């Protein structure tokens, strides 16, 4: 495992995922339980442990363990149940997918207008 790559991965994940996770948490558990600093901790810890597990375990086992880890982190930091943690995680994935599609379309429009 490359330490520089891990640090870059943590920084990028924190910048991209934290606001989306925080907004999803606020929408489903409320502003009292979903703090921005908690979202930062979830992303940083999930990224670090996920990278370690991904490099030490293989394939489907690593995927299942990482999924349970992320759900546990959301459950713990946002003080909610397992189903609410799953709902928050699904909402994060949907919001992230929408943002990615919008950015892809904007990039395509920008590049096509230049040529």
N, C-alpha and C. Protein backbone atom coordinates (compact mmCIF):
# COMPACT_ATOMS: atom_id res chain seq x y z
N UNK A 1 0.85 -1.17 0.00
CA UNK A 1 0.00 0.00 0.00
C UNK A 1 0.90 1.24 0.00
N UNK A 2 0.65 2.11 -0.93
CA UNK A 2 1.43 3.34 -1.08
C UNK A 2 0.84 4.42 -0.16
N UNK A 3 1.67 4.96 0.72
CA UNK A 3 1.20 5.93 1.71
C UNK A 3 0.76 7.24 1.06
N UNK A 4 1.49 7.69 0.04
CA UNK A 4 1.13 8.93 -0.64
C UNK A 4 -0.21 8.78 -1.35
N UNK A 5 -0.42 7.65 -2.00
CA UNK A 5 -1.70 7.39 -2.66
C UNK A 5 -2.84 7.35 -1.66
N UNK A 6 -2.59 6.77 -0.49
CA UNK A 6 -3.62 6.71 0.55
C UNK A 6 -3.98 8.10 1.05
N UNK A 7 -2.99 8.95 1.26
CA UNK A 7 -3.24 10.32 1.72
C UNK A 7 -4.04 11.10 0.67
N UNK A 8 -3.67 10.95 -0.59
CA UNK A 8 -4.41 11.63 -1.66
C UNK A 8 -5.84 11.10 -1.72
N UNK A 9 -6.00 9.80 -1.57
CA UNK A 9 -7.33 9.18 -1.58
C UNK A 9 -8.18 9.71 -0.42
N UNK A 10 -7.60 9.85 0.74
CA UNK A 10 -8.32 10.38 1.90
C UNK A 10 -8.75 11.82 1.65
N UNK A 11 -7.85 12.63 1.12
CA UNK A 11 -8.17 14.04 0.88
C UNK A 11 -9.28 14.18 -0.16
N UNK A 12 -9.17 13.45 -1.26
CA UNK A 12 -10.17 13.55 -2.32
C UNK A 12 -11.52 13.04 -1.82
N UNK A 13 -11.53 11.89 -1.14
CA UNK A 13 -12.78 11.37 -0.60
C UNK A 13 -13.41 12.33 0.40
N UNK A 14 -12.59 12.94 1.24
CA UNK A 14 -13.12 13.88 2.23
C UNK A 14 -13.76 15.08 1.55
N UNK A 15 -13.11 15.61 0.55
CA UNK A 15 -13.65 16.79 -0.14
C UNK A 15 -14.94 16.45 -0.89
N UNK A 16 -14.99 15.29 -1.51
CA UNK A 16 -16.13 14.94 -2.36
C UNK A 16 -17.28 14.33 -1.56
N UNK A 17 -16.98 13.38 -0.69
CA UNK A 17 -18.05 12.63 -0.02
C UNK A 17 -18.61 13.29 1.23
N UNK A 18 -17.80 14.04 1.95
CA UNK A 18 -18.27 14.59 3.22
C UNK A 18 -19.51 15.47 3.09
N UNK A 19 -19.54 16.45 2.17
CA UNK A 19 -20.76 17.27 2.08
C UNK A 19 -22.00 16.46 1.70
N UNK A 20 -21.83 15.48 0.81
CA UNK A 20 -22.97 14.67 0.39
C UNK A 20 -23.46 13.81 1.56
N UNK A 21 -22.54 13.21 2.29
CA UNK A 21 -22.90 12.40 3.45
C UNK A 21 -23.57 13.25 4.52
N UNK A 22 -23.04 14.43 4.75
CA UNK A 22 -23.60 15.33 5.76
C UNK A 22 -25.03 15.75 5.39
N UNK A 23 -25.25 16.11 4.12
CA UNK A 23 -26.59 16.51 3.69
C UNK A 23 -27.57 15.35 3.77
N UNK A 24 -27.12 14.16 3.40
CA UNK A 24 -27.99 12.98 3.49
C UNK A 24 -28.33 12.67 4.94
N UNK A 25 -27.35 12.77 5.81
CA UNK A 25 -27.59 12.53 7.22
C UNK A 25 -28.54 13.54 7.82
N UNK A 26 -28.36 14.80 7.46
CA UNK A 26 -29.27 15.84 7.97
C UNK A 26 -30.69 15.61 7.48
N UNK A 27 -30.83 15.14 6.24
CA UNK A 27 -32.16 14.92 5.69
C UNK A 27 -32.88 13.76 6.39
N UNK A 28 -32.13 12.74 6.80
CA UNK A 28 -32.78 11.55 7.34
C UNK A 28 -32.76 11.44 8.87
N UNK A 29 -31.74 11.98 9.54
CA UNK A 29 -31.72 11.87 11.00
C UNK A 29 -31.81 13.22 11.69
N UNK A 30 -31.72 14.30 10.96
CA UNK A 30 -31.86 15.62 11.55
C UNK A 30 -30.53 16.29 11.83
N UNK A 31 -30.61 17.60 12.01
CA UNK A 31 -29.38 18.38 12.17
C UNK A 31 -28.72 18.17 13.53
N UNK A 32 -29.47 17.69 14.51
CA UNK A 32 -28.89 17.46 15.84
C UNK A 32 -27.96 16.26 15.86
N UNK A 33 -28.26 15.24 15.07
CA UNK A 33 -27.45 14.02 15.07
C UNK A 33 -26.40 14.00 13.98
N UNK A 34 -26.65 14.64 12.86
CA UNK A 34 -25.72 14.60 11.73
C UNK A 34 -24.87 15.86 11.71
N UNK A 35 -23.74 15.80 12.33
CA UNK A 35 -22.80 16.92 12.37
C UNK A 35 -21.80 16.80 11.22
N UNK A 36 -21.31 17.93 10.75
CA UNK A 36 -20.36 17.93 9.64
C UNK A 36 -19.07 17.23 10.05
N UNK A 37 -18.63 17.45 11.30
CA UNK A 37 -17.40 16.79 11.75
C UNK A 37 -17.58 15.27 11.83
N UNK A 38 -18.79 14.82 12.17
CA UNK A 38 -19.05 13.38 12.15
C UNK A 38 -18.94 12.82 10.74
N UNK A 39 -19.44 13.56 9.77
CA UNK A 39 -19.33 13.12 8.38
C UNK A 39 -17.86 13.03 7.95
N UNK A 40 -17.05 13.98 8.41
CA UNK A 40 -15.62 13.93 8.10
C UNK A 40 -15.00 12.66 8.69
N UNK A 41 -15.31 12.37 9.95
CA UNK A 41 -14.77 11.17 10.59
C UNK A 41 -15.20 9.90 9.88
N UNK A 42 -16.47 9.84 9.47
CA UNK A 42 -16.96 8.66 8.75
C UNK A 42 -16.16 8.44 7.48
N UNK A 43 -15.97 9.50 6.71
CA UNK A 43 -15.26 9.37 5.44
C UNK A 43 -13.79 9.01 5.66
N UNK A 44 -13.13 9.68 6.59
CA UNK A 44 -11.70 9.42 6.81
C UNK A 44 -11.49 8.00 7.34
N UNK A 45 -12.22 7.62 8.36
CA UNK A 45 -12.05 6.27 8.92
C UNK A 45 -12.46 5.20 7.92
N UNK A 46 -13.56 5.43 7.21
CA UNK A 46 -14.00 4.46 6.21
C UNK A 46 -12.99 4.29 5.08
N UNK A 47 -12.36 5.39 4.67
CA UNK A 47 -11.36 5.32 3.62
C UNK A 47 -10.11 4.58 4.08
N UNK A 48 -9.64 4.90 5.28
CA UNK A 48 -8.42 4.25 5.79
C UNK A 48 -8.64 2.76 6.00
N UNK A 49 -9.68 2.40 6.74
CA UNK A 49 -9.93 0.98 7.01
C UNK A 49 -10.30 0.25 5.73
N UNK A 50 -11.04 0.90 4.84
CA UNK A 50 -11.37 0.28 3.57
C UNK A 50 -10.14 0.00 2.71
N UNK A 51 -9.19 0.91 2.73
CA UNK A 51 -7.95 0.69 1.97
C UNK A 51 -7.14 -0.46 2.55
N UNK A 52 -7.09 -0.52 3.87
CA UNK A 52 -6.35 -1.62 4.51
C UNK A 52 -7.03 -2.95 4.23
N UNK A 53 -8.35 -3.00 4.38
CA UNK A 53 -9.07 -4.24 4.11
C UNK A 53 -9.01 -4.62 2.64
N UNK A 54 -9.10 -3.62 1.77
CA UNK A 54 -9.04 -3.89 0.33
C UNK A 54 -7.71 -4.46 -0.11
N UNK A 55 -6.65 -4.07 0.58
CA UNK A 55 -5.34 -4.60 0.21
C UNK A 55 -5.04 -5.94 0.87
N UNK A 56 -5.73 -6.23 1.97
CA UNK A 56 -5.44 -7.49 2.68
C UNK A 56 -6.44 -8.60 2.36
N UNK A 57 -7.68 -8.25 2.07
CA UNK A 57 -8.69 -9.25 1.72
C UNK A 57 -8.90 -9.25 0.21
N UNK A 58 -9.64 -10.23 -0.28
CA UNK A 58 -9.82 -10.28 -1.72
C UNK A 58 -11.29 -10.26 -2.10
N UNK A 59 -11.58 -9.63 -3.21
CA UNK A 59 -12.85 -9.66 -3.89
C UNK A 59 -14.08 -9.39 -3.08
N UNK A 60 -14.99 -10.35 -3.12
CA UNK A 60 -16.31 -10.20 -2.52
C UNK A 60 -16.24 -10.07 -1.00
N UNK A 61 -15.32 -10.74 -0.38
CA UNK A 61 -15.17 -10.66 1.08
C UNK A 61 -14.82 -9.23 1.48
N UNK A 62 -13.88 -8.61 0.79
CA UNK A 62 -13.49 -7.23 1.08
C UNK A 62 -14.66 -6.28 0.86
N UNK A 63 -15.42 -6.50 -0.19
CA UNK A 63 -16.56 -5.65 -0.49
C UNK A 63 -17.62 -5.72 0.62
N UNK A 64 -17.94 -6.92 1.06
CA UNK A 64 -18.95 -7.09 2.11
C UNK A 64 -18.47 -6.48 3.42
N UNK A 65 -17.23 -6.71 3.79
CA UNK A 65 -16.69 -6.16 5.04
C UNK A 65 -16.67 -4.64 4.98
N UNK A 66 -16.28 -4.06 3.84
CA UNK A 66 -16.26 -2.60 3.70
C UNK A 66 -17.66 -2.02 3.77
N UNK A 67 -18.64 -2.69 3.16
CA UNK A 67 -20.02 -2.22 3.23
C UNK A 67 -20.52 -2.21 4.67
N UNK A 68 -20.27 -3.29 5.40
CA UNK A 68 -20.68 -3.35 6.81
C UNK A 68 -19.96 -2.29 7.62
N UNK A 69 -18.67 -2.07 7.32
CA UNK A 69 -17.90 -1.04 8.03
C UNK A 69 -18.51 0.34 7.82
N UNK A 70 -18.82 0.70 6.56
CA UNK A 70 -19.40 2.01 6.28
C UNK A 70 -20.75 2.16 6.98
N UNK A 71 -21.56 1.11 6.94
CA UNK A 71 -22.86 1.18 7.62
C UNK A 71 -22.68 1.35 9.13
N UNK A 72 -21.71 0.63 9.69
CA UNK A 72 -21.44 0.76 11.13
C UNK A 72 -20.99 2.18 11.47
N UNK A 73 -20.11 2.76 10.65
CA UNK A 73 -19.63 4.12 10.91
C UNK A 73 -20.77 5.13 10.85
N UNK A 74 -21.63 5.00 9.84
CA UNK A 74 -22.78 5.91 9.74
C UNK A 74 -23.70 5.71 10.94
N UNK A 75 -23.97 4.46 11.30
CA UNK A 75 -24.82 4.15 12.44
C UNK A 75 -24.25 4.74 13.73
N UNK A 76 -22.95 4.58 13.93
CA UNK A 76 -22.31 5.04 15.16
C UNK A 76 -22.27 6.57 15.24
N UNK A 77 -21.76 7.22 14.21
CA UNK A 77 -21.56 8.67 14.28
C UNK A 77 -22.85 9.47 14.14
N UNK A 78 -23.82 8.97 13.37
CA UNK A 78 -25.08 9.68 13.21
C UNK A 78 -26.15 9.19 14.20
N UNK A 79 -25.78 8.27 15.08
CA UNK A 79 -26.65 7.78 16.15
C UNK A 79 -28.02 7.36 15.60
N UNK A 80 -28.00 6.36 14.73
CA UNK A 80 -29.23 5.86 14.13
C UNK A 80 -29.17 4.34 14.07
N UNK A 81 -30.22 3.73 13.56
CA UNK A 81 -30.27 2.28 13.42
C UNK A 81 -29.64 1.82 12.11
N UNK A 82 -29.61 0.50 11.95
CA UNK A 82 -29.00 -0.08 10.75
C UNK A 82 -29.77 0.29 9.48
N UNK A 83 -31.10 0.27 9.55
CA UNK A 83 -31.89 0.60 8.36
C UNK A 83 -31.74 2.07 7.98
N UNK A 84 -31.69 2.92 8.98
CA UNK A 84 -31.50 4.36 8.70
C UNK A 84 -30.10 4.59 8.12
N UNK A 85 -29.11 3.87 8.62
CA UNK A 85 -27.75 3.97 8.06
C UNK A 85 -27.73 3.50 6.61
N UNK A 86 -28.47 2.43 6.33
CA UNK A 86 -28.56 1.95 4.95
C UNK A 86 -29.26 2.98 4.06
N UNK A 87 -30.32 3.58 4.57
CA UNK A 87 -31.04 4.60 3.81
C UNK A 87 -30.14 5.82 3.53
N UNK A 88 -29.37 6.22 4.53
CA UNK A 88 -28.44 7.34 4.35
C UNK A 88 -27.41 6.99 3.29
N UNK A 89 -26.88 5.78 3.34
CA UNK A 89 -25.87 5.35 2.38
C UNK A 89 -26.43 5.29 0.96
N UNK A 90 -27.66 4.81 0.82
CA UNK A 90 -28.29 4.77 -0.51
C UNK A 90 -28.52 6.18 -1.02
N UNK A 91 -28.98 7.08 -0.15
CA UNK A 91 -29.20 8.47 -0.55
C UNK A 91 -27.89 9.12 -0.96
N UNK A 92 -26.79 8.82 -0.26
CA UNK A 92 -25.48 9.34 -0.63
C UNK A 92 -25.11 8.87 -2.04
N UNK A 93 -25.34 7.60 -2.33
CA UNK A 93 -25.01 7.06 -3.65
C UNK A 93 -25.84 7.72 -4.74
N UNK A 94 -27.12 7.95 -4.48
CA UNK A 94 -28.00 8.59 -5.47
C UNK A 94 -27.57 10.03 -5.71
N UNK A 95 -27.35 10.78 -4.64
CA UNK A 95 -26.93 12.18 -4.78
C UNK A 95 -25.59 12.27 -5.50
N UNK A 96 -24.66 11.40 -5.13
CA UNK A 96 -23.34 11.39 -5.78
C UNK A 96 -23.46 11.06 -7.26
N UNK A 97 -24.33 10.11 -7.61
CA UNK A 97 -24.53 9.75 -9.01
C UNK A 97 -25.12 10.92 -9.80
N UNK A 98 -26.07 11.62 -9.21
CA UNK A 98 -26.67 12.78 -9.88
C UNK A 98 -25.62 13.87 -10.09
N UNK A 99 -24.83 14.15 -9.07
CA UNK A 99 -23.77 15.16 -9.19
C UNK A 99 -22.77 14.76 -10.27
N UNK A 100 -22.39 13.49 -10.29
CA UNK A 100 -21.44 13.01 -11.30
C UNK A 100 -22.00 13.15 -12.71
N UNK A 101 -23.29 12.84 -12.90
CA UNK A 101 -23.91 12.98 -14.22
C UNK A 101 -23.99 14.44 -14.64
N UNK A 102 -24.35 15.31 -13.71
CA UNK A 102 -24.43 16.75 -14.04
C UNK A 102 -23.04 17.27 -14.43
N UNK A 103 -22.02 16.91 -13.67
CA UNK A 103 -20.66 17.34 -14.00
C UNK A 103 -20.19 16.76 -15.34
N UNK A 104 -20.57 15.53 -15.64
CA UNK A 104 -20.20 14.92 -16.92
C UNK A 104 -20.87 15.65 -18.08
N UNK A 105 -22.14 15.99 -17.93
CA UNK A 105 -22.85 16.72 -18.97
C UNK A 105 -22.25 18.12 -19.15
N UNK A 106 -21.97 18.80 -18.04
CA UNK A 106 -21.35 20.12 -18.13
C UNK A 106 -19.98 20.05 -18.80
N UNK A 107 -19.21 19.03 -18.45
CA UNK A 107 -17.90 18.84 -19.09
C UNK A 107 -18.03 18.58 -20.57
N UNK A 108 -19.01 17.75 -20.95
CA UNK A 108 -19.23 17.46 -22.36
C UNK A 108 -19.65 18.71 -23.12
N UNK A 109 -20.54 19.49 -22.54
CA UNK A 109 -20.99 20.73 -23.19
C UNK A 109 -19.82 21.71 -23.32
N UNK A 110 -19.02 21.81 -22.29
CA UNK A 110 -17.88 22.72 -22.32
C UNK A 110 -16.87 22.30 -23.38
N UNK A 111 -16.55 21.03 -23.41
CA UNK A 111 -15.56 20.54 -24.38
C UNK A 111 -16.11 20.63 -25.81
N UNK A 112 -17.38 20.29 -26.00
CA UNK A 112 -17.94 20.35 -27.35
C UNK A 112 -18.07 21.80 -27.83
N UNK A 113 -18.25 22.75 -26.92
CA UNK A 113 -18.35 24.15 -27.35
C UNK A 113 -16.97 24.72 -27.72
N UNK A 114 -15.91 24.13 -27.20
CA UNK A 114 -14.57 24.58 -27.54
C UNK A 114 -14.14 24.10 -28.92
N UNK A 115 -14.68 22.97 -29.35
CA UNK A 115 -14.29 22.41 -30.65
C UNK A 115 -15.40 22.60 -31.59
